[in-house]
Amino acid sequence: MASIARSALLKQAASASVRPAFHNSLRTTAFHTTARKALLAPPPQHIEGSVNDAAPVPPPSPSHGSYHWTFDRIVAGALIPMTVVPFAAGSLNPTLDAILCATLLIHSHTGFKAIIVDYIPQKRMPKIRMGFNWLTNLATAVVGLALYEFETSDVGLVEAIKRVWAA
């Protein structure tokens, strides 16, 4: 009787050792049926110096860092009351409307500049970064001119939003 039980246990152990490997391979291959494809080629890479070189320290500039961040937070915080007040009070003041347009323009410009600084490295892609900086400056100038024309020769931003909202 012991020999029958032993052979049955050996069969179970042998089949148990084969099954998990077979089942694991089925589970992993179900997720790996397509080849991995790179969407974009990596940008050109160049290594300067060695591992033991000191990290370069950028020159201090008051327009970068905490002053820049503080200015962005002040502009973003100022947009909240400047957006709500004309609609809540019902006043159509062209000066307040112009200040709102200028603040929106500054907020958008600094936001796009921050995106460019964060996602397009100066060292690896200097020409692409310069192109995006010029494109941002051009877009800001065009939008500023369009907002000026809209404010001076048409109803203005706040009144246009009121009309669209009521339609």
N, C-alpha and C. Protein backbone atom coordinates (compact mmCIF):
# COMPACT_ATOMS: atom_id res chain seq x y z
N MET A 1 0.80 -1.18 0.00
CA MET A 1 0.00 0.00 0.00
C MET A 1 0.86 1.25 0.00
N ALA A 2 1.97 1.19 0.69
CA ALA A 2 2.85 2.35 0.77
C ALA A 2 3.45 2.66 -0.59
N SER A 3 3.75 1.64 -1.38
CA SER A 3 4.32 1.88 -2.70
C SER A 3 3.30 2.53 -3.63
N ILE A 4 2.03 2.22 -3.51
CA ILE A 4 0.98 2.84 -4.34
C ILE A 4 0.82 4.30 -3.97
N ALA A 5 0.83 4.59 -2.67
CA ALA A 5 0.68 5.97 -2.20
C ALA A 5 1.89 6.81 -2.62
N ARG A 6 3.09 6.16 -2.55
CA ARG A 6 4.30 6.88 -2.92
C ARG A 6 4.29 7.24 -4.40
N SER A 7 3.90 6.36 -5.24
CA SER A 7 3.89 6.66 -6.67
C SER A 7 2.83 7.71 -7.00
N ALA A 8 1.72 7.69 -6.31
CA ALA A 8 0.70 8.71 -6.53
C ALA A 8 1.21 10.07 -6.08
N LEU A 9 1.92 10.10 -4.97
CA LEU A 9 2.48 11.37 -4.49
C LEU A 9 3.55 11.89 -5.44
N LEU A 10 4.36 10.98 -6.00
CA LEU A 10 5.38 11.39 -6.95
C LEU A 10 4.76 11.96 -8.22
N LYS A 11 3.67 11.33 -8.67
CA LYS A 11 2.97 11.85 -9.86
C LYS A 11 2.40 13.24 -9.59
N GLN A 12 1.83 13.43 -8.40
CA GLN A 12 1.28 14.74 -8.06
C GLN A 12 2.39 15.78 -7.99
N ALA A 13 3.49 15.43 -7.40
CA ALA A 13 4.59 16.38 -7.26
C ALA A 13 5.17 16.72 -8.63
N ALA A 14 5.30 15.72 -9.49
CA ALA A 14 5.83 15.96 -10.84
C ALA A 14 4.89 16.83 -11.65
N SER A 15 3.60 16.54 -11.56
CA SER A 15 2.64 17.34 -12.33
C SER A 15 2.51 18.74 -11.75
N ALA A 16 2.66 18.90 -10.45
CA ALA A 16 2.58 20.22 -9.82
C ALA A 16 3.78 21.08 -10.20
N SER A 17 4.94 20.45 -10.35
CA SER A 17 6.13 21.23 -10.71
C SER A 17 6.09 21.65 -12.18
N VAL A 18 5.39 20.89 -13.02
CA VAL A 18 5.30 21.25 -14.44
C VAL A 18 4.19 22.28 -14.67
N ARG A 19 3.08 22.13 -14.00
CA ARG A 19 1.93 22.99 -14.24
C ARG A 19 2.18 24.47 -13.96
N PRO A 20 2.75 24.83 -12.82
CA PRO A 20 2.93 26.28 -12.59
C PRO A 20 3.83 26.94 -13.62
N ALA A 21 4.86 26.26 -14.05
CA ALA A 21 5.72 26.86 -15.06
C ALA A 21 4.96 27.03 -16.37
N PHE A 22 4.17 26.04 -16.72
CA PHE A 22 3.40 26.11 -17.95
C PHE A 22 2.33 27.20 -17.84
N HIS A 23 1.64 27.25 -16.70
CA HIS A 23 0.59 28.25 -16.52
C HIS A 23 1.17 29.66 -16.43
N ASN A 24 2.33 29.82 -15.80
CA ASN A 24 2.97 31.15 -15.73
C ASN A 24 3.38 31.63 -17.11
N SER A 25 3.88 30.71 -17.93
CA SER A 25 4.28 31.14 -19.28
C SER A 25 3.07 31.55 -20.09
N LEU A 26 1.94 30.89 -19.88
CA LEU A 26 0.72 31.30 -20.58
C LEU A 26 0.25 32.67 -20.12
N ARG A 27 0.35 32.91 -18.82
CA ARG A 27 -0.10 34.19 -18.29
C ARG A 27 0.77 35.34 -18.77
N THR A 28 2.06 35.15 -18.84
CA THR A 28 2.94 36.25 -19.25
C THR A 28 2.91 36.46 -20.75
N THR A 29 2.76 35.40 -21.52
CA THR A 29 2.74 35.60 -22.96
C THR A 29 1.46 36.26 -23.43
N ALA A 30 0.41 36.17 -22.65
CA ALA A 30 -0.84 36.82 -23.05
C ALA A 30 -0.66 38.34 -23.10
N PHE A 31 0.24 38.87 -22.30
CA PHE A 31 0.46 40.31 -22.28
C PHE A 31 1.61 40.76 -23.17
N HIS A 32 2.34 39.84 -23.74
CA HIS A 32 3.50 40.17 -24.55
C HIS A 32 3.35 39.65 -25.98
N THR A 33 2.18 39.80 -26.56
CA THR A 33 1.98 39.26 -27.90
C THR A 33 2.45 40.21 -28.99
N THR A 34 2.58 41.49 -28.70
CA THR A 34 3.04 42.44 -29.72
C THR A 34 4.45 42.87 -29.39
N ALA A 35 5.18 43.25 -30.42
CA ALA A 35 6.54 43.71 -30.23
C ALA A 35 6.51 45.13 -29.69
N ARG A 36 7.48 45.47 -28.88
CA ARG A 36 7.57 46.81 -28.33
C ARG A 36 8.17 47.74 -29.38
N LYS A 37 7.50 48.87 -29.62
CA LYS A 37 7.95 49.81 -30.62
C LYS A 37 8.19 51.17 -29.99
N ALA A 38 9.28 51.79 -30.31
CA ALA A 38 9.56 53.14 -29.84
C ALA A 38 8.81 54.12 -30.73
N LEU A 39 8.07 55.04 -30.12
CA LEU A 39 7.30 56.00 -30.90
C LEU A 39 8.20 57.06 -31.54
N LEU A 40 9.13 57.59 -30.78
CA LEU A 40 10.05 58.61 -31.29
C LEU A 40 11.48 58.17 -31.02
N ALA A 41 12.34 58.50 -31.93
CA ALA A 41 13.75 58.21 -31.72
C ALA A 41 14.28 59.11 -30.61
N PRO A 42 15.18 58.63 -29.78
CA PRO A 42 15.70 59.50 -28.71
C PRO A 42 16.52 60.63 -29.31
N PRO A 43 16.53 61.78 -28.64
CA PRO A 43 17.31 62.90 -29.16
C PRO A 43 18.80 62.59 -29.08
N PRO A 44 19.61 63.35 -29.79
CA PRO A 44 21.06 63.09 -29.75
C PRO A 44 21.61 63.28 -28.34
N GLN A 45 22.51 62.39 -27.98
CA GLN A 45 23.07 62.43 -26.63
C GLN A 45 24.56 62.63 -26.71
N HIS A 46 25.06 63.46 -25.79
CA HIS A 46 26.48 63.76 -25.76
C HIS A 46 26.89 63.89 -24.29
N ILE A 47 27.92 63.18 -23.91
CA ILE A 47 28.39 63.22 -22.53
C ILE A 47 29.67 64.03 -22.50
N GLU A 48 29.68 65.04 -21.63
CA GLU A 48 30.88 65.88 -21.47
C GLU A 48 31.50 65.57 -20.12
N GLY A 49 32.79 65.46 -20.09
CA GLY A 49 33.49 65.22 -18.84
C GLY A 49 33.41 63.77 -18.40
N SER A 50 33.63 63.57 -17.10
CA SER A 50 33.61 62.22 -16.55
C SER A 50 32.71 62.19 -15.32
N VAL A 51 32.66 61.03 -14.71
CA VAL A 51 31.82 60.86 -13.53
C VAL A 51 32.35 61.67 -12.35
N ASN A 52 33.64 61.90 -12.30
CA ASN A 52 34.25 62.56 -11.16
C ASN A 52 34.24 64.08 -11.27
N ASP A 53 33.74 64.64 -12.37
CA ASP A 53 33.68 66.10 -12.50
C ASP A 53 32.60 66.66 -11.59
N ALA A 54 32.86 67.85 -11.08
CA ALA A 54 31.88 68.51 -10.21
C ALA A 54 30.69 68.98 -11.05
N ALA A 55 29.53 69.01 -10.43
CA ALA A 55 28.34 69.50 -11.12
C ALA A 55 28.45 71.01 -11.30
N PRO A 56 28.10 71.52 -12.48
CA PRO A 56 28.20 72.97 -12.68
C PRO A 56 27.13 73.71 -11.87
N VAL A 57 27.53 74.79 -11.26
CA VAL A 57 26.61 75.60 -10.48
C VAL A 57 26.20 76.79 -11.34
N PRO A 58 24.89 76.94 -11.60
CA PRO A 58 24.48 78.07 -12.44
C PRO A 58 24.65 79.39 -11.71
N PRO A 59 24.87 80.46 -12.46
CA PRO A 59 25.01 81.76 -11.80
C PRO A 59 23.68 82.18 -11.17
N PRO A 60 23.73 82.84 -10.00
CA PRO A 60 22.48 83.24 -9.37
C PRO A 60 21.77 84.32 -10.19
N SER A 61 20.47 84.19 -10.28
CA SER A 61 19.67 85.15 -11.04
C SER A 61 18.35 85.38 -10.31
N PRO A 62 18.01 86.64 -10.05
CA PRO A 62 16.75 86.89 -9.33
C PRO A 62 15.51 86.61 -10.17
N SER A 63 15.67 86.52 -11.50
CA SER A 63 14.50 86.26 -12.33
C SER A 63 14.16 84.78 -12.40
N HIS A 64 14.99 83.93 -11.83
CA HIS A 64 14.72 82.50 -11.81
C HIS A 64 14.56 82.05 -10.36
N GLY A 65 13.90 80.95 -10.18
CA GLY A 65 13.79 80.39 -8.84
C GLY A 65 12.62 80.96 -8.08
N SER A 66 12.87 81.36 -6.84
CA SER A 66 11.77 81.72 -5.94
C SER A 66 11.04 82.99 -6.37
N TYR A 67 11.76 83.98 -6.91
CA TYR A 67 11.07 85.20 -7.35
C TYR A 67 10.13 84.90 -8.52
N HIS A 68 10.60 84.10 -9.43
CA HIS A 68 9.78 83.71 -10.58
C HIS A 68 8.54 82.95 -10.12
N TRP A 69 8.72 82.01 -9.23
CA TRP A 69 7.61 81.21 -8.71
C TRP A 69 6.63 82.09 -7.95
N THR A 70 7.14 83.03 -7.14
CA THR A 70 6.27 83.92 -6.38
C THR A 70 5.46 84.80 -7.32
N PHE A 71 6.08 85.31 -8.38
CA PHE A 71 5.36 86.13 -9.35
C PHE A 71 4.25 85.31 -10.02
N ASP A 72 4.55 84.08 -10.40
CA ASP A 72 3.53 83.22 -11.01
C ASP A 72 2.36 82.96 -10.07
N ARG A 73 2.64 82.75 -8.78
CA ARG A 73 1.56 82.51 -7.81
C ARG A 73 0.73 83.78 -7.59
N ILE A 74 1.35 84.94 -7.58
CA ILE A 74 0.61 86.20 -7.42
C ILE A 74 -0.32 86.42 -8.61
N VAL A 75 0.20 86.19 -9.82
CA VAL A 75 -0.63 86.36 -11.02
C VAL A 75 -1.78 85.36 -11.02
N ALA A 76 -1.51 84.11 -10.67
CA ALA A 76 -2.57 83.10 -10.64
C ALA A 76 -3.61 83.42 -9.56
N GLY A 77 -3.16 83.91 -8.41
CA GLY A 77 -4.10 84.30 -7.36
C GLY A 77 -4.91 85.53 -7.71
N ALA A 78 -4.32 86.46 -8.46
CA ALA A 78 -5.03 87.67 -8.86
C ALA A 78 -6.11 87.37 -9.90
N LEU A 79 -5.95 86.31 -10.64
CA LEU A 79 -6.95 85.96 -11.65
C LEU A 79 -8.30 85.57 -11.04
N ILE A 80 -8.29 85.03 -9.84
CA ILE A 80 -9.55 84.57 -9.24
C ILE A 80 -10.50 85.74 -8.98
N PRO A 81 -10.11 86.77 -8.23
CA PRO A 81 -11.07 87.86 -8.03
C PRO A 81 -11.32 88.67 -9.30
N MET A 82 -10.31 88.78 -10.17
CA MET A 82 -10.50 89.56 -11.39
C MET A 82 -11.45 88.86 -12.37
N THR A 83 -11.60 87.57 -12.25
CA THR A 83 -12.54 86.84 -13.10
C THR A 83 -13.95 86.88 -12.51
N VAL A 84 -14.07 86.83 -11.20
CA VAL A 84 -15.38 86.77 -10.56
C VAL A 84 -16.03 88.15 -10.44
N VAL A 85 -15.27 89.19 -10.12
CA VAL A 85 -15.83 90.51 -9.83
C VAL A 85 -16.64 91.10 -10.98
N PRO A 86 -16.18 91.10 -12.22
CA PRO A 86 -17.00 91.70 -13.28
C PRO A 86 -18.34 91.01 -13.49
N PHE A 87 -18.39 89.71 -13.28
CA PHE A 87 -19.65 88.99 -13.47
C PHE A 87 -20.56 89.15 -12.26
N ALA A 88 -20.00 89.19 -11.05
CA ALA A 88 -20.81 89.31 -9.85
C ALA A 88 -21.33 90.74 -9.67
N ALA A 89 -20.48 91.72 -9.92
CA ALA A 89 -20.87 93.11 -9.72
C ALA A 89 -21.69 93.65 -10.89
N GLY A 90 -21.51 93.10 -12.07
CA GLY A 90 -22.25 93.55 -13.23
C GLY A 90 -21.72 94.82 -13.84
N SER A 91 -20.51 95.21 -13.48
CA SER A 91 -19.94 96.44 -14.04
C SER A 91 -19.15 96.13 -15.30
N LEU A 92 -19.26 97.01 -16.27
CA LEU A 92 -18.49 96.86 -17.51
C LEU A 92 -17.44 97.97 -17.56
N ASN A 93 -16.41 97.82 -16.79
CA ASN A 93 -15.35 98.80 -16.74
C ASN A 93 -14.27 98.40 -17.75
N PRO A 94 -13.98 99.23 -18.74
CA PRO A 94 -12.97 98.83 -19.72
C PRO A 94 -11.57 98.71 -19.13
N THR A 95 -11.27 99.45 -18.08
CA THR A 95 -9.95 99.34 -17.45
C THR A 95 -9.80 97.98 -16.77
N LEU A 96 -10.82 97.58 -16.04
CA LEU A 96 -10.78 96.26 -15.39
C LEU A 96 -10.72 95.14 -16.41
N ASP A 97 -11.43 95.33 -17.52
CA ASP A 97 -11.41 94.35 -18.60
C ASP A 97 -10.01 94.24 -19.22
N ALA A 98 -9.36 95.38 -19.42
CA ALA A 98 -8.01 95.38 -19.99
C ALA A 98 -7.01 94.74 -19.03
N ILE A 99 -7.16 95.01 -17.73
CA ILE A 99 -6.26 94.41 -16.74
C ILE A 99 -6.46 92.89 -16.71
N LEU A 100 -7.71 92.46 -16.81
CA LEU A 100 -7.98 91.02 -16.85
C LEU A 100 -7.33 90.38 -18.07
N CYS A 101 -7.46 91.01 -19.23
CA CYS A 101 -6.83 90.46 -20.45
C CYS A 101 -5.31 90.41 -20.31
N ALA A 102 -4.71 91.46 -19.77
CA ALA A 102 -3.25 91.49 -19.62
C ALA A 102 -2.79 90.42 -18.63
N THR A 103 -3.54 90.24 -17.54
CA THR A 103 -3.16 89.22 -16.56
C THR A 103 -3.29 87.82 -17.15
N LEU A 104 -4.36 87.58 -17.91
CA LEU A 104 -4.50 86.28 -18.58
C LEU A 104 -3.35 86.03 -19.56
N LEU A 105 -2.96 87.06 -20.27
CA LEU A 105 -1.87 86.94 -21.23
C LEU A 105 -0.54 86.64 -20.53
N ILE A 106 -0.27 87.35 -19.44
CA ILE A 106 0.97 87.11 -18.68
C ILE A 106 0.96 85.70 -18.09
N HIS A 107 -0.19 85.30 -17.53
CA HIS A 107 -0.30 83.97 -16.93
C HIS A 107 -0.06 82.88 -17.98
N SER A 108 -0.64 83.03 -19.15
CA SER A 108 -0.45 82.04 -20.21
C SER A 108 1.00 82.01 -20.69
N HIS A 109 1.59 83.18 -20.86
CA HIS A 109 2.97 83.27 -21.36
C HIS A 109 3.94 82.61 -20.37
N THR A 110 3.84 82.95 -19.09
CA THR A 110 4.76 82.36 -18.12
C THR A 110 4.51 80.86 -17.96
N GLY A 111 3.26 80.43 -18.12
CA GLY A 111 2.97 79.00 -18.05
C GLY A 111 3.59 78.22 -19.18
N PHE A 112 3.48 78.76 -20.41
CA PHE A 112 4.10 78.08 -21.55
C PHE A 112 5.62 78.11 -21.46
N LYS A 113 6.18 79.21 -20.95
CA LYS A 113 7.64 79.26 -20.77
C LYS A 113 8.09 78.21 -19.75
N ALA A 114 7.31 78.01 -18.68
CA ALA A 114 7.67 77.00 -17.69
C ALA A 114 7.60 75.60 -18.28
N ILE A 115 6.64 75.34 -19.16
CA ILE A 115 6.56 74.04 -19.82
C ILE A 115 7.78 73.82 -20.70
N ILE A 116 8.20 74.85 -21.42
CA ILE A 116 9.38 74.73 -22.29
C ILE A 116 10.62 74.46 -21.45
N VAL A 117 10.78 75.18 -20.35
CA VAL A 117 11.96 74.98 -19.49
C VAL A 117 11.97 73.58 -18.90
N ASP A 118 10.78 73.08 -18.51
CA ASP A 118 10.72 71.77 -17.87
C ASP A 118 10.93 70.61 -18.83
N TYR A 119 10.44 70.72 -20.05
CA TYR A 119 10.39 69.54 -20.93
C TYR A 119 11.33 69.59 -22.14
N ILE A 120 11.96 70.70 -22.41
CA ILE A 120 12.92 70.75 -23.53
C ILE A 120 14.27 71.17 -22.95
N PRO A 121 15.17 70.21 -22.76
CA PRO A 121 16.45 70.53 -22.12
C PRO A 121 17.34 71.40 -23.01
N GLN A 122 17.91 72.41 -22.43
CA GLN A 122 18.77 73.36 -23.14
C GLN A 122 20.03 72.68 -23.67
N LYS A 123 20.58 71.78 -22.90
CA LYS A 123 21.86 71.18 -23.27
C LYS A 123 21.72 70.21 -24.44
N ARG A 124 20.62 69.44 -24.47
CA ARG A 124 20.46 68.42 -25.51
C ARG A 124 19.80 68.94 -26.77
N MET A 125 18.90 69.91 -26.64
CA MET A 125 18.15 70.40 -27.81
C MET A 125 18.11 71.93 -27.80
N PRO A 126 19.24 72.60 -27.97
CA PRO A 126 19.23 74.07 -27.86
C PRO A 126 18.45 74.75 -28.98
N LYS A 127 18.52 74.24 -30.20
CA LYS A 127 17.82 74.89 -31.32
C LYS A 127 16.30 74.70 -31.21
N ILE A 128 15.88 73.51 -30.80
CA ILE A 128 14.45 73.26 -30.64
C ILE A 128 13.89 74.13 -29.52
N ARG A 129 14.64 74.25 -28.43
CA ARG A 129 14.19 75.09 -27.32
C ARG A 129 14.11 76.55 -27.73
N MET A 130 15.09 77.02 -28.47
CA MET A 130 15.07 78.40 -28.93
C MET A 130 13.88 78.62 -29.87
N GLY A 131 13.61 77.64 -30.73
CA GLY A 131 12.46 77.75 -31.63
C GLY A 131 11.14 77.83 -30.87
N PHE A 132 10.99 77.00 -29.85
CA PHE A 132 9.77 77.05 -29.05
C PHE A 132 9.66 78.35 -28.26
N ASN A 133 10.80 78.87 -27.78
CA ASN A 133 10.75 80.16 -27.08
C ASN A 133 10.29 81.27 -28.03
N TRP A 134 10.82 81.29 -29.25
CA TRP A 134 10.39 82.30 -30.22
C TRP A 134 8.93 82.11 -30.60
N LEU A 135 8.51 80.86 -30.74
CA LEU A 135 7.12 80.59 -31.07
C LEU A 135 6.18 81.05 -29.94
N THR A 136 6.60 80.86 -28.69
CA THR A 136 5.80 81.34 -27.56
C THR A 136 5.74 82.86 -27.55
N ASN A 137 6.87 83.52 -27.81
CA ASN A 137 6.87 84.98 -27.85
C ASN A 137 5.99 85.50 -28.98
N LEU A 138 6.06 84.87 -30.14
CA LEU A 138 5.23 85.28 -31.27
C LEU A 138 3.75 85.07 -30.97
N ALA A 139 3.40 83.93 -30.40
CA ALA A 139 2.00 83.66 -30.06
C ALA A 139 1.49 84.65 -29.02
N THR A 140 2.32 85.00 -28.05
CA THR A 140 1.91 85.98 -27.03
C THR A 140 1.68 87.34 -27.67
N ALA A 141 2.55 87.75 -28.59
CA ALA A 141 2.37 89.04 -29.26
C ALA A 141 1.10 89.05 -30.11
N VAL A 142 0.84 87.97 -30.84
CA VAL A 142 -0.35 87.90 -31.69
C VAL A 142 -1.63 87.91 -30.84
N VAL A 143 -1.64 87.12 -29.77
CA VAL A 143 -2.81 87.09 -28.90
C VAL A 143 -2.99 88.43 -28.19
N GLY A 144 -1.90 89.07 -27.78
CA GLY A 144 -2.00 90.40 -27.17
C GLY A 144 -2.58 91.42 -28.13
N LEU A 145 -2.14 91.40 -29.38
CA LEU A 145 -2.69 92.31 -30.38
C LEU A 145 -4.16 92.00 -30.64
N ALA A 146 -4.53 90.73 -30.70
CA ALA A 146 -5.92 90.35 -30.92
C ALA A 146 -6.80 90.79 -29.75
N LEU A 147 -6.31 90.61 -28.51
CA LEU A 147 -7.09 91.06 -27.36
C LEU A 147 -7.22 92.58 -27.34
N TYR A 148 -6.18 93.30 -27.73
CA TYR A 148 -6.25 94.76 -27.80
C TYR A 148 -7.29 95.20 -28.81
N GLU A 149 -7.28 94.59 -29.99
CA GLU A 149 -8.28 94.93 -31.02
C GLU A 149 -9.69 94.59 -30.55
N PHE A 150 -9.83 93.46 -29.88
CA PHE A 150 -11.14 93.04 -29.39
C PHE A 150 -11.65 94.00 -28.31
N GLU A 151 -10.75 94.48 -27.47
CA GLU A 151 -11.14 95.40 -26.40
C GLU A 151 -11.48 96.79 -26.94
N THR A 152 -10.73 97.26 -27.93
CA THR A 152 -10.94 98.64 -28.39
C THR A 152 -12.01 98.77 -29.46
N SER A 153 -12.19 97.77 -30.31
CA SER A 153 -13.13 97.93 -31.42
C SER A 153 -14.37 97.04 -31.29
N ASP A 154 -14.46 96.25 -30.24
CA ASP A 154 -15.63 95.39 -30.07
C ASP A 154 -16.12 95.52 -28.63
N VAL A 155 -16.88 94.56 -28.15
CA VAL A 155 -17.54 94.69 -26.85
C VAL A 155 -16.63 94.42 -25.66
N GLY A 156 -15.55 93.73 -25.85
CA GLY A 156 -14.65 93.41 -24.74
C GLY A 156 -14.83 91.97 -24.28
N LEU A 157 -13.88 91.50 -23.50
CA LEU A 157 -13.84 90.10 -23.09
C LEU A 157 -14.99 89.74 -22.15
N VAL A 158 -15.21 90.54 -21.12
CA VAL A 158 -16.24 90.21 -20.13
C VAL A 158 -17.62 90.22 -20.78
N GLU A 159 -17.92 91.23 -21.58
CA GLU A 159 -19.23 91.31 -22.24
C GLU A 159 -19.42 90.16 -23.22
N ALA A 160 -18.35 89.77 -23.93
CA ALA A 160 -18.45 88.64 -24.86
C ALA A 160 -18.75 87.35 -24.11
N ILE A 161 -18.11 87.15 -22.96
CA ILE A 161 -18.38 85.95 -22.17
C ILE A 161 -19.81 85.97 -21.64
N LYS A 162 -20.29 87.15 -21.21
CA LYS A 162 -21.68 87.25 -20.75
C LYS A 162 -22.66 86.92 -21.87
N ARG A 163 -22.39 87.39 -23.07
CA ARG A 163 -23.28 87.12 -24.20
C ARG A 163 -23.27 85.64 -24.58
N VAL A 164 -22.10 85.04 -24.58
CA VAL A 164 -22.02 83.60 -24.90
C VAL A 164 -22.71 82.78 -23.81
N TRP A 165 -22.55 83.18 -22.57
CA TRP A 165 -23.16 82.45 -21.46
C TRP A 165 -24.68 82.55 -21.50
N ALA A 166 -25.20 83.70 -21.91
CA ALA A 166 -26.65 83.91 -21.95
C ALA A 166 -27.29 83.29 -23.18
N ALA A 167 -26.51 83.01 -24.21
CA ALA A 167 -27.08 82.49 -25.47
C ALA A 167 -27.54 81.06 -25.35
